[in-house]
Amino acid sequence: MSGSAETLRPVGQRPTARQVVGRTMAVTLVVAAALLVTSWLLPDFEIARVRDALLAGLVVGLFNALVWPALAFVLVPLSVYTLGVATWSSTPC
């Protein structure tokens, strides 16, 4: 299990390009709508154009798609490793 091929899903289980594009568009639209609603509700939060909200939604979606897996790769083993230490240090003598 030293190669990266073992960590990939089998070809039949991988999403198609159409599914990836559809999910990207859906995430972008949902985030853009959330930003527009937020700008409507909060007086100091302003988005001038719908295009700006769509661009921000795309950036947030790409950021989440790229950063979250890398962050999870580091934080999950760290939390498993420190779970024993946190339990040990919280027990009274």
N, C-alpha and C. Protein backbone atom coordinates (compact mmCIF):
# COMPACT_ATOMS: atom_id res chain seq x y z
N MET A 1 0.82 -1.19 0.00
CA MET A 1 0.00 0.00 0.00
C MET A 1 0.87 1.25 0.00
N SER A 2 1.90 1.26 -0.79
CA SER A 2 2.78 2.42 -0.81
C SER A 2 2.46 3.38 -1.94
N GLY A 3 1.71 2.94 -2.94
CA GLY A 3 1.40 3.82 -4.05
C GLY A 3 0.10 4.56 -3.85
N SER A 4 -0.10 5.61 -4.64
CA SER A 4 -1.32 6.40 -4.50
C SER A 4 -2.49 5.74 -5.23
N ALA A 5 -2.23 4.72 -6.04
CA ALA A 5 -3.31 4.07 -6.78
C ALA A 5 -4.26 3.33 -5.84
N GLU A 6 -3.77 2.87 -4.69
CA GLU A 6 -4.63 2.16 -3.75
C GLU A 6 -5.62 3.09 -3.06
N THR A 7 -5.33 4.38 -3.01
CA THR A 7 -6.19 5.31 -2.30
C THR A 7 -7.32 5.85 -3.17
N LEU A 8 -7.27 5.59 -4.47
CA LEU A 8 -8.30 6.07 -5.37
C LEU A 8 -9.47 5.09 -5.41
N ARG A 9 -10.63 5.62 -5.71
CA ARG A 9 -11.81 4.77 -5.89
C ARG A 9 -11.67 3.97 -7.18
N PRO A 10 -12.32 2.82 -7.23
CA PRO A 10 -12.34 2.09 -8.51
C PRO A 10 -13.01 2.95 -9.58
N VAL A 11 -12.67 2.69 -10.83
CA VAL A 11 -13.14 3.52 -11.94
C VAL A 11 -14.67 3.60 -11.98
N GLY A 12 -15.36 2.54 -11.69
CA GLY A 12 -16.82 2.54 -11.75
C GLY A 12 -17.47 3.39 -10.66
N GLN A 13 -16.75 3.67 -9.58
CA GLN A 13 -17.30 4.44 -8.47
C GLN A 13 -16.93 5.92 -8.51
N ARG A 14 -16.07 6.31 -9.42
CA ARG A 14 -15.66 7.71 -9.51
C ARG A 14 -16.75 8.53 -10.19
N PRO A 15 -16.92 9.80 -9.76
CA PRO A 15 -17.92 10.65 -10.41
C PRO A 15 -17.48 11.00 -11.84
N THR A 16 -18.47 11.14 -12.71
CA THR A 16 -18.16 11.52 -14.08
C THR A 16 -17.86 13.01 -14.14
N ALA A 17 -17.32 13.45 -15.26
CA ALA A 17 -17.03 14.88 -15.44
C ALA A 17 -18.31 15.70 -15.36
N ARG A 18 -19.40 15.16 -15.87
CA ARG A 18 -20.68 15.86 -15.82
C ARG A 18 -21.15 16.04 -14.38
N GLN A 19 -20.96 15.02 -13.54
CA GLN A 19 -21.34 15.12 -12.14
C GLN A 19 -20.48 16.13 -11.39
N VAL A 20 -19.20 16.16 -11.71
CA VAL A 20 -18.30 17.12 -11.07
C VAL A 20 -18.68 18.55 -11.44
N VAL A 21 -18.94 18.78 -12.71
CA VAL A 21 -19.34 20.12 -13.15
C VAL A 21 -20.68 20.51 -12.55
N GLY A 22 -21.62 19.58 -12.50
CA GLY A 22 -22.92 19.85 -11.91
C GLY A 22 -22.82 20.19 -10.43
N ARG A 23 -22.00 19.44 -9.72
CA ARG A 23 -21.82 19.73 -8.29
C ARG A 23 -21.14 21.07 -8.09
N THR A 24 -20.16 21.39 -8.91
CA THR A 24 -19.48 22.68 -8.81
C THR A 24 -20.45 23.82 -9.04
N MET A 25 -21.31 23.68 -10.05
CA MET A 25 -22.30 24.71 -10.32
C MET A 25 -23.30 24.84 -9.18
N ALA A 26 -23.73 23.72 -8.63
CA ALA A 26 -24.70 23.74 -7.53
C ALA A 26 -24.11 24.41 -6.30
N VAL A 27 -22.87 24.05 -5.96
CA VAL A 27 -22.22 24.66 -4.80
C VAL A 27 -22.03 26.15 -5.02
N THR A 28 -21.61 26.54 -6.22
CA THR A 28 -21.41 27.95 -6.53
C THR A 28 -22.72 28.73 -6.39
N LEU A 29 -23.81 28.19 -6.91
CA LEU A 29 -25.09 28.88 -6.83
C LEU A 29 -25.61 28.96 -5.40
N VAL A 30 -25.44 27.90 -4.62
CA VAL A 30 -25.91 27.92 -3.24
C VAL A 30 -25.11 28.93 -2.40
N VAL A 31 -23.80 28.93 -2.57
CA VAL A 31 -22.97 29.88 -1.82
C VAL A 31 -23.28 31.31 -2.26
N ALA A 32 -23.46 31.53 -3.56
CA ALA A 32 -23.80 32.87 -4.05
C ALA A 32 -25.14 33.32 -3.50
N ALA A 33 -26.12 32.43 -3.47
CA ALA A 33 -27.43 32.79 -2.91
C ALA A 33 -27.30 33.09 -1.42
N ALA A 34 -26.51 32.31 -0.69
CA ALA A 34 -26.31 32.57 0.73
C ALA A 34 -25.64 33.92 0.96
N LEU A 35 -24.69 34.26 0.11
CA LEU A 35 -24.04 35.56 0.23
C LEU A 35 -25.00 36.70 -0.07
N LEU A 36 -25.85 36.53 -1.07
CA LEU A 36 -26.83 37.56 -1.39
C LEU A 36 -27.85 37.73 -0.27
N VAL A 37 -28.29 36.64 0.32
CA VAL A 37 -29.22 36.72 1.45
C VAL A 37 -28.54 37.39 2.64
N THR A 38 -27.28 37.04 2.87
CA THR A 38 -26.54 37.66 3.96
C THR A 38 -26.39 39.16 3.73
N SER A 39 -26.11 39.56 2.50
CA SER A 39 -25.98 41.00 2.22
C SER A 39 -27.32 41.71 2.36
N TRP A 40 -28.41 41.00 2.16
CA TRP A 40 -29.73 41.60 2.32
C TRP A 40 -30.07 41.75 3.81
N LEU A 41 -29.64 40.77 4.63
CA LEU A 41 -29.97 40.79 6.05
C LEU A 41 -29.06 41.70 6.87
N LEU A 42 -27.79 41.74 6.55
CA LEU A 42 -26.83 42.52 7.33
C LEU A 42 -26.52 43.84 6.64
N PRO A 43 -26.72 44.96 7.32
CA PRO A 43 -26.53 46.25 6.67
C PRO A 43 -25.07 46.56 6.32
N ASP A 44 -24.12 46.05 7.07
CA ASP A 44 -22.71 46.37 6.79
C ASP A 44 -22.04 45.38 5.83
N PHE A 45 -22.74 44.34 5.45
CA PHE A 45 -22.21 43.35 4.49
C PHE A 45 -22.83 43.65 3.14
N GLU A 46 -22.01 44.02 2.18
CA GLU A 46 -22.55 44.49 0.91
C GLU A 46 -21.92 43.74 -0.26
N ILE A 47 -22.77 43.30 -1.17
CA ILE A 47 -22.32 42.73 -2.44
C ILE A 47 -23.02 43.54 -3.53
N ALA A 48 -22.23 44.18 -4.37
CA ALA A 48 -22.77 45.13 -5.33
C ALA A 48 -23.54 44.44 -6.47
N ARG A 49 -22.99 43.35 -6.99
CA ARG A 49 -23.60 42.71 -8.16
C ARG A 49 -23.73 41.21 -7.93
N VAL A 50 -24.63 40.61 -8.66
CA VAL A 50 -24.82 39.16 -8.59
C VAL A 50 -23.56 38.46 -9.10
N ARG A 51 -22.92 39.05 -10.09
CA ARG A 51 -21.68 38.48 -10.63
C ARG A 51 -20.62 38.36 -9.54
N ASP A 52 -20.54 39.35 -8.66
CA ASP A 52 -19.57 39.29 -7.56
C ASP A 52 -19.90 38.15 -6.61
N ALA A 53 -21.18 37.93 -6.35
CA ALA A 53 -21.59 36.82 -5.48
C ALA A 53 -21.26 35.48 -6.12
N LEU A 54 -21.46 35.37 -7.44
CA LEU A 54 -21.13 34.12 -8.14
C LEU A 54 -19.63 33.85 -8.11
N LEU A 55 -18.83 34.89 -8.30
CA LEU A 55 -17.38 34.73 -8.26
C LEU A 55 -16.93 34.34 -6.86
N ALA A 56 -17.50 34.98 -5.84
CA ALA A 56 -17.16 34.62 -4.47
C ALA A 56 -17.60 33.18 -4.17
N GLY A 57 -18.76 32.77 -4.68
CA GLY A 57 -19.21 31.40 -4.49
C GLY A 57 -18.28 30.40 -5.13
N LEU A 58 -17.79 30.72 -6.31
CA LEU A 58 -16.84 29.84 -6.99
C LEU A 58 -15.53 29.73 -6.21
N VAL A 59 -15.04 30.86 -5.72
CA VAL A 59 -13.79 30.85 -4.95
C VAL A 59 -13.96 30.06 -3.66
N VAL A 60 -15.06 30.28 -2.95
CA VAL A 60 -15.30 29.55 -1.71
C VAL A 60 -15.45 28.05 -1.99
N GLY A 61 -16.16 27.70 -3.04
CA GLY A 61 -16.32 26.30 -3.39
C GLY A 61 -15.01 25.62 -3.74
N LEU A 62 -14.17 26.29 -4.52
CA LEU A 62 -12.86 25.73 -4.86
C LEU A 62 -11.96 25.64 -3.63
N PHE A 63 -12.03 26.66 -2.79
CA PHE A 63 -11.24 26.64 -1.56
C PHE A 63 -11.65 25.45 -0.68
N ASN A 64 -12.95 25.24 -0.53
CA ASN A 64 -13.43 24.11 0.26
C ASN A 64 -13.05 22.78 -0.37
N ALA A 65 -13.09 22.70 -1.68
CA ALA A 65 -12.76 21.44 -2.36
C ALA A 65 -11.28 21.10 -2.26
N LEU A 66 -10.43 22.10 -2.21
CA LEU A 66 -8.99 21.85 -2.19
C LEU A 66 -8.40 21.84 -0.79
N VAL A 67 -8.87 22.70 0.09
CA VAL A 67 -8.26 22.83 1.41
C VAL A 67 -8.80 21.79 2.39
N TRP A 68 -10.10 21.51 2.33
CA TRP A 68 -10.69 20.58 3.30
C TRP A 68 -10.03 19.20 3.29
N PRO A 69 -9.81 18.56 2.13
CA PRO A 69 -9.14 17.25 2.17
C PRO A 69 -7.73 17.32 2.75
N ALA A 70 -6.99 18.38 2.42
CA ALA A 70 -5.64 18.51 2.96
C ALA A 70 -5.67 18.74 4.47
N LEU A 71 -6.61 19.55 4.92
CA LEU A 71 -6.74 19.81 6.34
C LEU A 71 -7.17 18.55 7.09
N ALA A 72 -8.11 17.81 6.53
CA ALA A 72 -8.55 16.57 7.15
C ALA A 72 -7.42 15.55 7.20
N PHE A 73 -6.58 15.53 6.18
CA PHE A 73 -5.45 14.60 6.13
C PHE A 73 -4.49 14.85 7.30
N VAL A 74 -4.36 16.11 7.70
CA VAL A 74 -3.46 16.45 8.81
C VAL A 74 -4.18 16.34 10.15
N LEU A 75 -5.41 16.82 10.24
CA LEU A 75 -6.07 16.94 11.53
C LEU A 75 -6.66 15.63 12.07
N VAL A 76 -7.11 14.75 11.21
CA VAL A 76 -7.69 13.51 11.71
C VAL A 76 -6.65 12.66 12.44
N PRO A 77 -5.48 12.40 11.86
CA PRO A 77 -4.49 11.64 12.64
C PRO A 77 -4.04 12.38 13.90
N LEU A 78 -3.97 13.70 13.83
CA LEU A 78 -3.58 14.48 15.00
C LEU A 78 -4.61 14.34 16.11
N SER A 79 -5.87 14.39 15.77
CA SER A 79 -6.91 14.24 16.80
C SER A 79 -6.92 12.83 17.37
N VAL A 80 -6.66 11.83 16.55
CA VAL A 80 -6.59 10.46 17.06
C VAL A 80 -5.39 10.32 17.98
N TYR A 81 -4.29 10.90 17.60
CA TYR A 81 -3.07 10.82 18.41
C TYR A 81 -3.24 11.54 19.74
N THR A 82 -3.85 12.70 19.75
CA THR A 82 -3.97 13.48 20.98
C THR A 82 -5.15 13.05 21.84
N LEU A 83 -6.02 12.20 21.33
CA LEU A 83 -7.17 11.76 22.12
C LEU A 83 -6.72 11.08 23.41
N GLY A 84 -5.74 10.23 23.33
CA GLY A 84 -5.23 9.57 24.52
C GLY A 84 -4.57 10.54 25.48
N VAL A 85 -3.85 11.51 24.98
CA VAL A 85 -3.18 12.49 25.83
C VAL A 85 -4.21 13.35 26.54
N ALA A 86 -5.24 13.78 25.83
CA ALA A 86 -6.26 14.62 26.45
C ALA A 86 -7.01 13.84 27.52
N THR A 87 -7.27 12.57 27.28
CA THR A 87 -7.96 11.75 28.27
C THR A 87 -7.07 11.53 29.50
N TRP A 88 -5.81 11.29 29.28
CA TRP A 88 -4.87 11.05 30.38
C TRP A 88 -4.70 12.30 31.24
N SER A 89 -4.61 13.46 30.61
CA SER A 89 -4.35 14.69 31.37
C SER A 89 -5.60 15.19 32.09
N SER A 90 -6.78 14.75 31.70
CA SER A 90 -8.00 15.25 32.34
C SER A 90 -8.46 14.39 33.52
N THR A 91 -7.81 13.25 33.76
CA THR A 91 -8.20 12.41 34.89
C THR A 91 -7.56 12.93 36.16
N PRO A 92 -8.33 12.98 37.25
CA PRO A 92 -7.75 13.46 38.51
C PRO A 92 -6.80 12.44 39.11
N CYS A 93 -5.88 12.90 39.91
CA CYS A 93 -4.89 12.01 40.54
C CYS A 93 -5.45 11.20 41.64
